[in-house]
Amino acid sequence: MAQAHEPRRFNSTEHLASEAVAAFADGELRMAAYLRAARHIAECPECAAEVDAQQQARAALKESGDVSMPTSLLGLLSQIPMCEPQASAKEDAERRRRVIVTSVVGLRRRRR
């Protein structure tokens, strides 16, 4: 007759990862993981305090209202280029020339 597999128990030195604390507070854990975390939180005051702090932070963010941005910051952000500047045609040609010269010099050295 097979014995029932008892869920893994956390040792007193093990704690929930910060990602697990946030997922627990946000209700994003699957049921089995939620139950394991809830059992650990019931036994571990440190993790219980972290979950409580996460829930308080979440509530504070929800109640904080809309975020506003100073127009001066918006102006500065709009000046940031969306992509890296393209090399000029002259720079491209110079880079290609250096590659060719380096290749030719390497071939000559191998022939000697």
PDB file of N, CA and C in Angstrom:
ATOM      1  N   MET A   1       0.832  -1.178   0.000  1.00  0.00           N
ATOM      2  CA  MET A   1       0.000   0.000   0.000  1.00  0.00           C
ATOM      3  C   MET A   1       0.880   1.246   0.000  1.00  0.00           C
ATOM      4  N   ALA A   2       0.615   2.183  -0.896  1.00  0.00           N
ATOM      5  CA  ALA A   2       1.438   3.387  -1.043  1.00  0.00           C
ATOM      6  C   ALA A   2       1.105   4.398   0.046  1.00  0.00           C
ATOM      7  N   GLN A   3       2.142   5.037   0.544  1.00  0.00           N
ATOM      8  CA  GLN A   3       1.931   6.070   1.550  1.00  0.00           C
ATOM      9  C   GLN A   3       1.574   7.378   0.864  1.00  0.00           C
ATOM     10  N   ALA A   4       0.738   8.145   1.516  1.00  0.00           N
ATOM     11  CA  ALA A   4       0.386   9.459   0.980  1.00  0.00           C
ATOM     12  C   ALA A   4       1.615  10.357   1.064  1.00  0.00           C
ATOM     13  N   HIS A   5       1.882  11.058  -0.014  1.00  0.00           N
ATOM     14  CA  HIS A   5       3.034  11.956  -0.074  1.00  0.00           C
ATOM     15  C   HIS A   5       2.675  13.253   0.639  1.00  0.00           C
ATOM     16  N   GLU A   6       3.387  13.532   1.714  1.00  0.00           N
ATOM     17  CA  GLU A   6       3.124  14.757   2.469  1.00  0.00           C
ATOM     18  C   GLU A   6       3.827  15.922   1.791  1.00  0.00           C
ATOM     19  N   PRO A   7       3.179  17.079   1.677  1.00  0.00           N
ATOM     20  CA  PRO A   7       3.818  18.232   1.027  1.00  0.00           C
ATOM     21  C   PRO A   7       5.108  18.612   1.740  1.00  0.00           C
ATOM     22  N   ARG A   8       6.040  19.109   0.988  1.00  0.00           N
ATOM     23  CA  ARG A   8       7.329  19.542   1.521  1.00  0.00           C
ATOM     24  C   ARG A   8       7.097  20.659   2.520  1.00  0.00           C
ATOM     25  N   ARG A   9       7.756  20.569   3.639  1.00  0.00           N
ATOM     26  CA  ARG A   9       7.627  21.610   4.660  1.00  0.00           C
ATOM     27  C   ARG A   9       8.867  22.500   4.613  1.00  0.00           C
ATOM     28  N   PHE A  10       8.670  23.772   4.824  1.00  0.00           N
ATOM     29  CA  PHE A  10       9.780  24.712   4.840  1.00  0.00           C
ATOM     30  C   PHE A  10      10.530  24.577   6.158  1.00  0.00           C
ATOM     31  N   ASN A  11      11.828  24.671   6.099  1.00  0.00           N
ATOM     32  CA  ASN A  11      12.625  24.745   7.319  1.00  0.00           C
ATOM     33  C   ASN A  11      12.538  26.167   7.844  1.00  0.00           C
ATOM     34  N   SER A  12      12.883  26.339   9.094  1.00  0.00           N
ATOM     35  CA  SER A  12      12.786  27.671   9.683  1.00  0.00           C
ATOM     36  C   SER A  12      13.762  28.651   9.045  1.00  0.00           C
ATOM     37  N   THR A  13      14.812  28.147   8.401  1.00  0.00           N
ATOM     38  CA  THR A  13      15.797  29.034   7.772  1.00  0.00           C
ATOM     39  C   THR A  13      15.416  29.386   6.337  1.00  0.00           C
ATOM     40  N   GLU A  14      14.390  28.748   5.793  1.00  0.00           N
ATOM     41  CA  GLU A  14      13.966  29.036   4.425  1.00  0.00           C
ATOM     42  C   GLU A  14      12.869  30.098   4.445  1.00  0.00           C
ATOM     43  N   HIS A  15      12.922  30.979   3.468  1.00  0.00           N
ATOM     44  CA  HIS A  15      11.910  32.023   3.371  1.00  0.00           C
ATOM     45  C   HIS A  15      11.410  32.107   1.940  1.00  0.00           C
ATOM     46  N   LEU A  16      10.267  32.728   1.782  1.00  0.00           N
ATOM     47  CA  LEU A  16       9.721  32.916   0.444  1.00  0.00           C
ATOM     48  C   LEU A  16      10.577  33.925  -0.315  1.00  0.00           C
ATOM     49  N   ALA A  17      10.795  33.659  -1.581  1.00  0.00           N
ATOM     50  CA  ALA A  17      11.511  34.610  -2.435  1.00  0.00           C
ATOM     51  C   ALA A  17      10.652  35.860  -2.592  1.00  0.00           C
ATOM     52  N   SER A  18      11.283  36.980  -2.885  1.00  0.00           N
ATOM     53  CA  SER A  18      10.528  38.235  -3.024  1.00  0.00           C
ATOM     54  C   SER A  18       9.482  38.131  -4.130  1.00  0.00           C
ATOM     55  N   GLU A  19       9.796  37.359  -5.192  1.00  0.00           N
ATOM     56  CA  GLU A  19       8.816  37.169  -6.274  1.00  0.00           C
ATOM     57  C   GLU A  19       7.599  36.402  -5.771  1.00  0.00           C
ATOM     58  N   ALA A  20       7.836  35.418  -4.902  1.00  0.00           N
ATOM     59  CA  ALA A  20       6.726  34.638  -4.344  1.00  0.00           C
ATOM     60  C   ALA A  20       5.885  35.482  -3.404  1.00  0.00           C
ATOM     61  N   VAL A  21       6.532  36.351  -2.638  1.00  0.00           N
ATOM     62  CA  VAL A  21       5.799  37.248  -1.742  1.00  0.00           C
ATOM     63  C   VAL A  21       4.879  38.153  -2.549  1.00  0.00           C
ATOM     64  N   ALA A  22       5.411  38.743  -3.617  1.00  0.00           N
ATOM     65  CA  ALA A  22       4.608  39.638  -4.462  1.00  0.00           C
ATOM     66  C   ALA A  22       3.480  38.868  -5.136  1.00  0.00           C
ATOM     67  N   ALA A  23       3.771  37.674  -5.642  1.00  0.00           N
ATOM     68  CA  ALA A  23       2.736  36.876  -6.305  1.00  0.00           C
ATOM     69  C   ALA A  23       1.658  36.463  -5.310  1.00  0.00           C
ATOM     70  N   PHE A  24       2.050  36.140  -4.087  1.00  0.00           N
ATOM     71  CA  PHE A  24       1.069  35.776  -3.055  1.00  0.00           C
ATOM     72  C   PHE A  24       0.179  36.978  -2.747  1.00  0.00           C
ATOM     73  N   ALA A  25       0.791  38.135  -2.531  1.00  0.00           N
ATOM     74  CA  ALA A  25       0.029  39.343  -2.198  1.00  0.00           C
ATOM     75  C   ALA A  25      -0.900  39.757  -3.338  1.00  0.00           C
ATOM     76  N   ASP A  26      -0.478  39.499  -4.576  1.00  0.00           N
ATOM     77  CA  ASP A  26      -1.280  39.873  -5.745  1.00  0.00           C
ATOM     78  C   ASP A  26      -2.275  38.792  -6.151  1.00  0.00           C
ATOM     79  N   GLY A  27      -2.255  37.650  -5.457  1.00  0.00           N
ATOM     80  CA  GLY A  27      -3.174  36.566  -5.783  1.00  0.00           C
ATOM     81  C   GLY A  27      -2.848  35.889  -7.106  1.00  0.00           C
ATOM     82  N   GLU A  28      -1.574  35.829  -7.462  1.00  0.00           N
ATOM     83  CA  GLU A  28      -1.168  35.292  -8.757  1.00  0.00           C
ATOM     84  C   GLU A  28      -0.618  33.867  -8.692  1.00  0.00           C
ATOM     85  N   LEU A  29      -0.591  33.267  -7.494  1.00  0.00           N
ATOM     86  CA  LEU A  29      -0.065  31.909  -7.369  1.00  0.00           C
ATOM     87  C   LEU A  29      -1.139  30.887  -7.704  1.00  0.00           C
ATOM     88  N   ARG A  30      -0.715  29.763  -8.283  1.00  0.00           N
ATOM     89  CA  ARG A  30      -1.639  28.645  -8.488  1.00  0.00           C
ATOM     90  C   ARG A  30      -2.010  28.099  -7.117  1.00  0.00           C
ATOM     91  N   MET A  31      -3.090  27.349  -7.056  1.00  0.00           N
ATOM     92  CA  MET A  31      -3.630  26.912  -5.770  1.00  0.00           C
ATOM     93  C   MET A  31      -2.616  26.143  -4.927  1.00  0.00           C
ATOM     94  N   ALA A  32      -1.902  25.181  -5.509  1.00  0.00           N
ATOM     95  CA  ALA A  32      -0.943  24.394  -4.726  1.00  0.00           C
ATOM     96  C   ALA A  32       0.157  25.283  -4.154  1.00  0.00           C
ATOM     97  N   ALA A  33       0.687  26.178  -4.982  1.00  0.00           N
ATOM     98  CA  ALA A  33       1.732  27.094  -4.517  1.00  0.00           C
ATOM     99  C   ALA A  33       1.181  28.062  -3.479  1.00  0.00           C
ATOM    100  N   TYR A  34      -0.042  28.518  -3.680  1.00  0.00           N
ATOM    101  CA  TYR A  34      -0.685  29.421  -2.728  1.00  0.00           C
ATOM    102  C   TYR A  34      -0.823  28.744  -1.361  1.00  0.00           C
ATOM    103  N   LEU A  35      -1.262  27.486  -1.369  1.00  0.00           N
ATOM    104  CA  LEU A  35      -1.450  26.767  -0.105  1.00  0.00           C
ATOM    105  C   LEU A  35      -0.119  26.535   0.611  1.00  0.00           C
ATOM    106  N   ARG A  36       0.932  26.184  -0.147  1.00  0.00           N
ATOM    107  CA  ARG A  36       2.256  26.020   0.471  1.00  0.00           C
ATOM    108  C   ARG A  36       2.741  27.337   1.063  1.00  0.00           C
ATOM    109  N   ALA A  37       2.579  28.417   0.309  1.00  0.00           N
ATOM    110  CA  ALA A  37       3.019  29.730   0.800  1.00  0.00           C
ATOM    111  C   ALA A  37       2.207  30.154   2.017  1.00  0.00           C
ATOM    112  N   ALA A  38       0.910  29.932   1.978  1.00  0.00           N
ATOM    113  CA  ALA A  38       0.052  30.312   3.111  1.00  0.00           C
ATOM    114  C   ALA A  38       0.446  29.541   4.370  1.00  0.00           C
ATOM    115  N   ARG A  39       0.761  28.255   4.213  1.00  0.00           N
ATOM    116  CA  ARG A  39       1.185  27.445   5.355  1.00  0.00           C
ATOM    117  C   ARG A  39       2.505  28.000   5.909  1.00  0.00           C
ATOM    118  N   HIS A  40       3.434  28.353   5.007  1.00  0.00           N
ATOM    119  CA  HIS A  40       4.715  28.904   5.457  1.00  0.00           C
ATOM    120  C   HIS A  40       4.507  30.255   6.149  1.00  0.00           C
ATOM    121  N   ILE A  41       3.678  31.105   5.563  1.00  0.00           N
ATOM    122  CA  ILE A  41       3.432  32.436   6.128  1.00  0.00           C
ATOM    123  C   ILE A  41       2.820  32.326   7.519  1.00  0.00           C
ATOM    124  N   ALA A  42       1.974  31.326   7.722  1.00  0.00           N
ATOM    125  CA  ALA A  42       1.356  31.118   9.029  1.00  0.00           C
ATOM    126  C   ALA A  42       2.394  30.752  10.089  1.00  0.00           C
ATOM    127  N   GLU A  43       3.510  30.150   9.662  1.00  0.00           N
ATOM    128  CA  GLU A  43       4.539  29.701  10.600  1.00  0.00           C
ATOM    129  C   GLU A  43       5.744  30.633  10.668  1.00  0.00           C
ATOM    130  N   CYS A  44       5.853  31.576   9.731  1.00  0.00           N
ATOM    131  CA  CYS A  44       7.061  32.403   9.639  1.00  0.00           C
ATOM    132  C   CYS A  44       6.707  33.886   9.768  1.00  0.00           C
ATOM    133  N   PRO A  45       6.979  34.477  10.919  1.00  0.00           N
ATOM    134  CA  PRO A  45       6.637  35.891  11.106  1.00  0.00           C
ATOM    135  C   PRO A  45       7.364  36.833  10.143  1.00  0.00           C
ATOM    136  N   GLU A  46       8.594  36.465   9.735  1.00  0.00           N
ATOM    137  CA  GLU A  46       9.327  37.332   8.807  1.00  0.00           C
ATOM    138  C   GLU A  46       8.630  37.395   7.447  1.00  0.00           C
ATOM    139  N   CYS A  47       8.236  36.250   6.920  1.00  0.00           N
ATOM    140  CA  CYS A  47       7.562  36.226   5.619  1.00  0.00           C
ATOM    141  C   CYS A  47       6.170  36.844   5.724  1.00  0.00           C
ATOM    142  N   ALA A  48       5.508  36.622   6.865  1.00  0.00           N
ATOM    143  CA  ALA A  48       4.185  37.229   7.069  1.00  0.00           C
ATOM    144  C   ALA A  48       4.304  38.746   7.044  1.00  0.00           C
ATOM    145  N   ALA A  49       5.370  39.278   7.643  1.00  0.00           N
ATOM    146  CA  ALA A  49       5.584  40.733   7.644  1.00  0.00           C
ATOM    147  C   ALA A  49       5.875  41.235   6.233  1.00  0.00           C
ATOM    148  N   GLU A  50       6.640  40.446   5.448  1.00  0.00           N
ATOM    149  CA  GLU A  50       6.925  40.854   4.067  1.00  0.00           C
ATOM    150  C   GLU A  50       5.655  40.878   3.223  1.00  0.00           C
ATOM    151  N   VAL A  51       4.801  39.871   3.401  1.00  0.00           N
ATOM    152  CA  VAL A  51       3.535  39.838   2.657  1.00  0.00           C
ATOM    153  C   VAL A  51       2.672  41.020   3.067  1.00  0.00           C
ATOM    154  N   ASP A  52       2.613  41.316   4.360  1.00  0.00           N
ATOM    155  CA  ASP A  52       1.832  42.449   4.837  1.00  0.00           C
ATOM    156  C   ASP A  52       2.354  43.761   4.249  1.00  0.00           C
ATOM    157  N   ALA A  53       3.681  43.930   4.215  1.00  0.00           N
ATOM    158  CA  ALA A  53       4.271  45.144   3.643  1.00  0.00           C
ATOM    159  C   ALA A  53       3.968  45.243   2.153  1.00  0.00           C
ATOM    160  N   GLN A  54       4.008  44.110   1.449  1.00  0.00           N
ATOM    161  CA  GLN A  54       3.698  44.100   0.016  1.00  0.00           C
ATOM    162  C   GLN A  54       2.241  44.490  -0.214  1.00  0.00           C
ATOM    163  N   GLN A  55       1.353  43.969   0.615  1.00  0.00           N
ATOM    164  CA  GLN A  55      -0.069  44.303   0.473  1.00  0.00           C
ATOM    165  C   GLN A  55      -0.328  45.775   0.785  1.00  0.00           C
ATOM    166  N   GLN A  56       0.375  46.314   1.783  1.00  0.00           N
ATOM    167  CA  GLN A  56       0.234  47.743   2.098  1.00  0.00           C
ATOM    168  C   GLN A  56       0.758  48.609   0.952  1.00  0.00           C
ATOM    169  N   ALA A  57       1.885  48.229   0.366  1.00  0.00           N
ATOM    170  CA  ALA A  57       2.449  48.984  -0.754  1.00  0.00           C
ATOM    171  C   ALA A  57       1.506  48.941  -1.943  1.00  0.00           C
ATOM    172  N   ARG A  58       0.938  47.776  -2.200  1.00  0.00           N
ATOM    173  CA  ARG A  58      -0.012  47.624  -3.309  1.00  0.00           C
ATOM    174  C   ARG A  58      -1.233  48.534  -3.098  1.00  0.00           C
ATOM    175  N   ALA A  59      -1.760  48.541  -1.871  1.00  0.00           N
ATOM    176  CA  ALA A  59      -2.924  49.388  -1.564  1.00  0.00           C
ATOM    177  C   ALA A  59      -2.561  50.868  -1.696  1.00  0.00           C
ATOM    178  N   ALA A  60      -1.376  51.245  -1.232  1.00  0.00           N
ATOM    179  CA  ALA A  60      -0.947  52.649  -1.328  1.00  0.00           C
ATOM    180  C   ALA A  60      -0.829  53.087  -2.781  1.00  0.00           C
ATOM    181  N   LEU A  61      -0.315  52.221  -3.638  1.00  0.00           N
ATOM    182  CA  LEU A  61      -0.199  52.562  -5.058  1.00  0.00           C
ATOM    183  C   LEU A  61      -1.568  52.704  -5.702  1.00  0.00           C
ATOM    184  N   LYS A  62      -2.497  51.830  -5.331  1.00  0.00           N
ATOM    185  CA  LYS A  62      -3.843  51.916  -5.889  1.00  0.00           C
ATOM    186  C   LYS A  62      -4.529  53.215  -5.480  1.00  0.00           C
ATOM    187  N   GLU A  63      -4.278  53.648  -4.254  1.00  0.00           N
ATOM    188  CA  GLU A  63      -4.933  54.852  -3.730  1.00  0.00           C
ATOM    189  C   GLU A  63      -4.219  56.137  -4.120  1.00  0.00           C
ATOM    190  N   SER A  64      -3.035  56.037  -4.704  1.00  0.00           N
ATOM    191  CA  SER A  64      -2.218  57.225  -4.964  1.00  0.00           C
ATOM    192  C   SER A  64      -2.748  58.092  -6.099  1.00  0.00           C
ATOM    193  N   GLY A  65      -3.616  57.565  -6.922  1.00  0.00           N
ATOM    194  CA  GLY A  65      -4.172  58.351  -8.019  1.00  0.00           C
ATOM    195  C   GLY A  65      -3.244  58.383  -9.219  1.00  0.00           C
ATOM    196  N   ASP A  66      -3.574  59.265 -10.135  1.00  0.00           N
ATOM    197  CA  ASP A  66      -2.805  59.372 -11.368  1.00  0.00           C
ATOM    198  C   ASP A  66      -1.427  59.977 -11.109  1.00  0.00           C
ATOM    199  N   VAL A  67      -0.499  59.554 -11.887  1.00  0.00           N
ATOM    200  CA  VAL A  67       0.857  60.087 -11.810  1.00  0.00           C
ATOM    201  C   VAL A  67       0.960  61.211 -12.821  1.00  0.00           C
ATOM    202  N   SER A  68       1.505  62.326 -12.393  1.00  0.00           N
ATOM    203  CA  SER A  68       1.681  63.439 -13.323  1.00  0.00           C
ATOM    204  C   SER A  68       3.169  63.631 -13.589  1.00  0.00           C
ATOM    205  N   MET A  69       3.448  64.200 -14.733  1.00  0.00           N
ATOM    206  CA  MET A  69       4.825  64.425 -15.138  1.00  0.00           C
ATOM    207  C   MET A  69       4.996  65.914 -15.452  1.00  0.00           C
ATOM    208  N   PRO A  70       6.019  66.528 -14.881  1.00  0.00           N
ATOM    209  CA  PRO A  70       6.264  67.934 -15.211  1.00  0.00           C
ATOM    210  C   PRO A  70       6.513  68.082 -16.717  1.00  0.00           C
ATOM    211  N   THR A  71       6.011  69.141 -17.294  1.00  0.00           N
ATOM    212  CA  THR A  71       6.192  69.345 -18.734  1.00  0.00           C
ATOM    213  C   THR A  71       7.658  69.476 -19.107  1.00  0.00           C
ATOM    214  N   SER A  72       8.482  69.976 -18.191  1.00  0.00           N
ATOM    215  CA  SER A  72       9.913  70.098 -18.488  1.00  0.00           C
ATOM    216  C   SER A  72      10.537  68.705 -18.663  1.00  0.00           C
ATOM    217  N   LEU A  73      10.111  67.747 -17.859  1.00  0.00           N
ATOM    218  CA  LEU A  73      10.621  66.389 -18.000  1.00  0.00           C
ATOM    219  C   LEU A  73      10.132  65.770 -19.299  1.00  0.00           C
ATOM    220  N   LEU A  74       8.882  65.998 -19.621  1.00  0.00           N
ATOM    221  CA  LEU A  74       8.337  65.474 -20.866  1.00  0.00           C
ATOM    222  C   LEU A  74       9.113  66.030 -22.061  1.00  0.00           C
ATOM    223  N   GLY A  75       9.461  67.305 -22.007  1.00  0.00           N
ATOM    224  CA  GLY A  75      10.239  67.919 -23.084  1.00  0.00           C
ATOM    225  C   GLY A  75      11.626  67.301 -23.208  1.00  0.00           C
ATOM    226  N   LEU A  76      12.268  67.055 -22.059  1.00  0.00           N
ATOM    227  CA  LEU A  76      13.596  66.434 -22.083  1.00  0.00           C
ATOM    228  C   LEU A  76      13.525  65.007 -22.620  1.00  0.00           C
ATOM    229  N   LEU A  77      12.526  64.271 -22.208  1.00  0.00           N
ATOM    230  CA  LEU A  77      12.383  62.886 -22.674  1.00  0.00           C
ATOM    231  C   LEU A  77      12.115  62.823 -24.172  1.00  0.00           C
ATOM    232  N   SER A  78      11.381  63.796 -24.682  1.00  0.00           N
ATOM    233  CA  SER A  78      11.061  63.778 -26.112  1.00  0.00           C
ATOM    234  C   SER A  78      12.285  64.073 -26.968  1.00  0.00           C
ATOM    235  N   GLN A  79      13.356  64.581 -26.374  1.00  0.00           N
ATOM    236  CA  GLN A  79      14.575  64.870 -27.117  1.00  0.00           C
ATOM    237  C   GLN A  79      15.515  63.662 -27.215  1.00  0.00           C
ATOM    238  N   ILE A  80      15.212  62.587 -26.496  1.00  0.00           N
ATOM    239  CA  ILE A  80      16.049  61.387 -26.553  1.00  0.00           C
ATOM    240  C   ILE A  80      15.798  60.700 -27.881  1.00  0.00           C
ATOM    241  N   PRO A  81      16.862  60.393 -28.616  1.00  0.00           N
ATOM    242  CA  PRO A  81      16.667  59.723 -29.917  1.00  0.00           C
ATOM    243  C   PRO A  81      16.010  58.352 -29.720  1.00  0.00           C
ATOM    244  N   MET A  82      15.171  57.971 -30.668  1.00  0.00           N
ATOM    245  CA  MET A  82      14.467  56.696 -30.597  1.00  0.00           C
ATOM    246  C   MET A  82      15.372  55.537 -30.994  1.00  0.00           C
ATOM    247  N   CYS A  83      16.447  55.804 -31.750  1.00  0.00           N
ATOM    248  CA  CYS A  83      17.375  54.752 -32.155  1.00  0.00           C
ATOM    249  C   CYS A  83      18.764  55.367 -32.240  1.00  0.00           C
ATOM    250  N   GLU A  84      19.741  54.496 -32.404  1.00  0.00           N
ATOM    251  CA  GLU A  84      21.106  54.989 -32.523  1.00  0.00           C
ATOM    252  C   GLU A  84      21.258  55.756 -33.832  1.00  0.00           C
ATOM    253  N   PRO A  85      22.009  56.833 -33.792  1.00  0.00           N
ATOM    254  CA  PRO A  85      22.223  57.571 -35.033  1.00  0.00           C
ATOM    255  C   PRO A  85      22.947  56.696 -36.054  1.00  0.00           C
ATOM    256  N   GLN A  86      22.560  56.827 -37.282  1.00  0.00           N
ATOM    257  CA  GLN A  86      23.181  56.069 -38.368  1.00  0.00           C
ATOM    258  C   GLN A  86      24.541  56.673 -38.690  1.00  0.00           C
ATOM    259  N   ALA A  87      25.489  55.795 -38.987  1.00  0.00           N
ATOM    260  CA  ALA A  87      26.800  56.273 -39.398  1.00  0.00           C
ATOM    261  C   ALA A  87      26.658  56.952 -40.759  1.00  0.00           C
ATOM    262  N   SER A  88      27.434  57.976 -40.946  1.00  0.00           N
ATOM    263  CA  SER A  88      27.366  58.668 -42.231  1.00  0.00           C
ATOM    264  C   SER A  88      27.939  57.775 -43.323  1.00  0.00           C
ATOM    265  N   ALA A  89      27.614  58.078 -44.556  1.00  0.00           N
ATOM    266  CA  ALA A  89      28.119  57.306 -45.691  1.00  0.00           C
ATOM    267  C   ALA A  89      29.642  57.323 -45.702  1.00  0.00           C
ATOM    268  N   LYS A  90      30.234  58.473 -45.323  1.00  0.00           N
ATOM    269  CA  LYS A  90      31.687  58.588 -45.304  1.00  0.00           C
ATOM    270  C   LYS A  90      32.290  57.653 -44.252  1.00  0.00           C
ATOM    271  N   GLU A  91      31.681  57.603 -43.062  1.00  0.00           N
ATOM    272  CA  GLU A  91      32.167  56.708 -42.005  1.00  0.00           C
ATOM    273  C   GLU A  91      32.020  55.251 -42.419  1.00  0.00           C
ATOM    274  N   ASP A  92      30.899  54.916 -43.072  1.00  0.00           N
ATOM    275  CA  ASP A  92      30.682  53.547 -43.567  1.00  0.00           C
ATOM    276  C   ASP A  92      31.757  53.159 -44.572  1.00  0.00           C
ATOM    277  N   ALA A  93      32.044  54.042 -45.501  1.00  0.00           N
ATOM    278  CA  ALA A  93      33.048  53.766 -46.530  1.00  0.00           C
ATOM    279  C   ALA A  93      34.416  53.580 -45.892  1.00  0.00           C
ATOM    280  N   GLU A  94      34.746  54.403 -44.913  1.00  0.00           N
ATOM    281  CA  GLU A  94      36.035  54.297 -44.235  1.00  0.00           C
ATOM    282  C   GLU A  94      36.139  52.977 -43.474  1.00  0.00           C
ATOM    283  N   ARG A  95      35.074  52.571 -42.801  1.00  0.00           N
ATOM    284  CA  ARG A  95      35.078  51.308 -42.079  1.00  0.00           C
ATOM    285  C   ARG A  95      35.259  50.134 -43.040  1.00  0.00           C
ATOM    286  N   ARG A  96      34.561  50.142 -44.184  1.00  0.00           N
ATOM    287  CA  ARG A  96      34.703  49.078 -45.186  1.00  0.00           C
ATOM    288  C   ARG A  96      36.136  49.050 -45.740  1.00  0.00           C
ATOM    289  N   ARG A  97      36.714  50.235 -45.991  1.00  0.00           N
ATOM    290  CA  ARG A  97      38.079  50.307 -46.512  1.00  0.00           C
ATOM    291  C   ARG A  97      39.065  49.690 -45.526  1.00  0.00           C
ATOM    292  N   ARG A  98      38.891  49.979 -44.212  1.00  0.00           N
ATOM    293  CA  ARG A  98      39.792  49.406 -43.200  1.00  0.00           C
ATOM    294  C   ARG A  98      39.672  47.888 -43.158  1.00  0.00           C
ATOM    295  N   VAL A  99      38.474  47.369 -43.289  1.00  0.00           N
ATOM    296  CA  VAL A  99      38.267  45.923 -43.292  1.00  0.00           C
ATOM    297  C   VAL A  99      38.969  45.290 -44.487  1.00  0.00           C
ATOM    298  N   ILE A 100      38.833  45.897 -45.643  1.00  0.00           N
ATOM    299  CA  ILE A 100      39.471  45.368 -46.858  1.00  0.00           C
ATOM    300  C   ILE A 100      40.982  45.413 -46.729  1.00  0.00           C
ATOM    301  N   VAL A 101      41.520  46.540 -46.276  1.00  0.00           N
ATOM    302  CA  VAL A 101      42.972  46.678 -46.130  1.00  0.00           C
ATOM    303  C   VAL A 101      43.494  45.649 -45.131  1.00  0.00           C
ATOM    304  N   THR A 102      42.810  45.483 -44.023  1.00  0.00           N
ATOM    305  CA  THR A 102      43.221  44.504 -43.014  1.00  0.00           C
ATOM    306  C   THR A 102      43.212  43.096 -43.602  1.00  0.00           C
ATOM    307  N   SER A 103      42.205  42.771 -44.379  1.00  0.00           N
ATOM    308  CA  SER A 103      42.122  41.447 -45.005  1.00  0.00           C
ATOM    309  C   SER A 103      43.252  41.236 -45.996  1.00  0.00           C
ATOM    310  N   VAL A 104      43.526  42.224 -46.836  1.00  0.00           N
ATOM    311  CA  VAL A 104      44.590  42.117 -47.839  1.00  0.00           C
ATOM    312  C   VAL A 104      45.948  41.968 -47.144  1.00  0.00           C
ATOM    313  N   VAL A 105      46.190  42.751 -46.115  1.00  0.00           N
ATOM    314  CA  VAL A 105      47.462  42.668 -45.389  1.00  0.00           C
ATOM    315  C   VAL A 105      47.601  41.282 -44.773  1.00  0.00           C
ATOM    316  N   GLY A 106      46.532  40.746 -44.221  1.00  0.00           N
ATOM    317  CA  GLY A 106      46.568  39.412 -43.639  1.00  0.00           C
ATOM    318  C   GLY A 106      46.866  38.346 -44.675  1.00  0.00           C
ATOM    319  N   LEU A 107      46.282  38.470 -45.861  1.00  0.00           N
ATOM    320  CA  LEU A 107      46.544  37.503 -46.936  1.00  0.00           C
ATOM    321  C   LEU A 107      47.997  37.566 -47.380  1.00  0.00           C
ATOM    322  N   ARG A 108      48.545  38.762 -47.520  1.00  0.00           N
ATOM    323  CA  ARG A 108      49.940  38.928 -47.935  1.00  0.00           C
ATOM    324  C   ARG A 108      50.888  38.288 -46.907  1.00  0.00           C
ATOM    325  N   ARG A 109      50.603  38.467 -45.647  1.00  0.00           N
ATOM    326  CA  ARG A 109      51.471  37.914 -44.595  1.00  0.00           C
ATOM    327  C   ARG A 109      51.451  36.392 -44.644  1.00  0.00           C
ATOM    328  N   ARG A 110      50.286  35.808 -44.926  1.00  0.00           N
ATOM    329  CA  ARG A 110      50.190  34.349 -44.991  1.00  0.00           C
ATOM    330  C   ARG A 110      50.955  33.774 -46.170  1.00  0.00           C
ATOM    331  N   ARG A 111      51.060  34.518 -47.265  1.00  0.00           N
ATOM    332  CA  ARG A 111      51.750  34.043 -48.462  1.00  0.00           C
ATOM    333  C   ARG A 111      53.252  34.043 -48.268  1.00  0.00           C
ATOM    334  N   ARG A 112      53.772  34.861 -47.414  1.00  0.00           N
ATOM    335  CA  ARG A 112      55.236  34.974 -47.210  1.00  0.00           C
ATOM    336  C   ARG A 112      55.780  33.816 -46.501  1.00  0.00           C
TER     337      ARG A 112
END
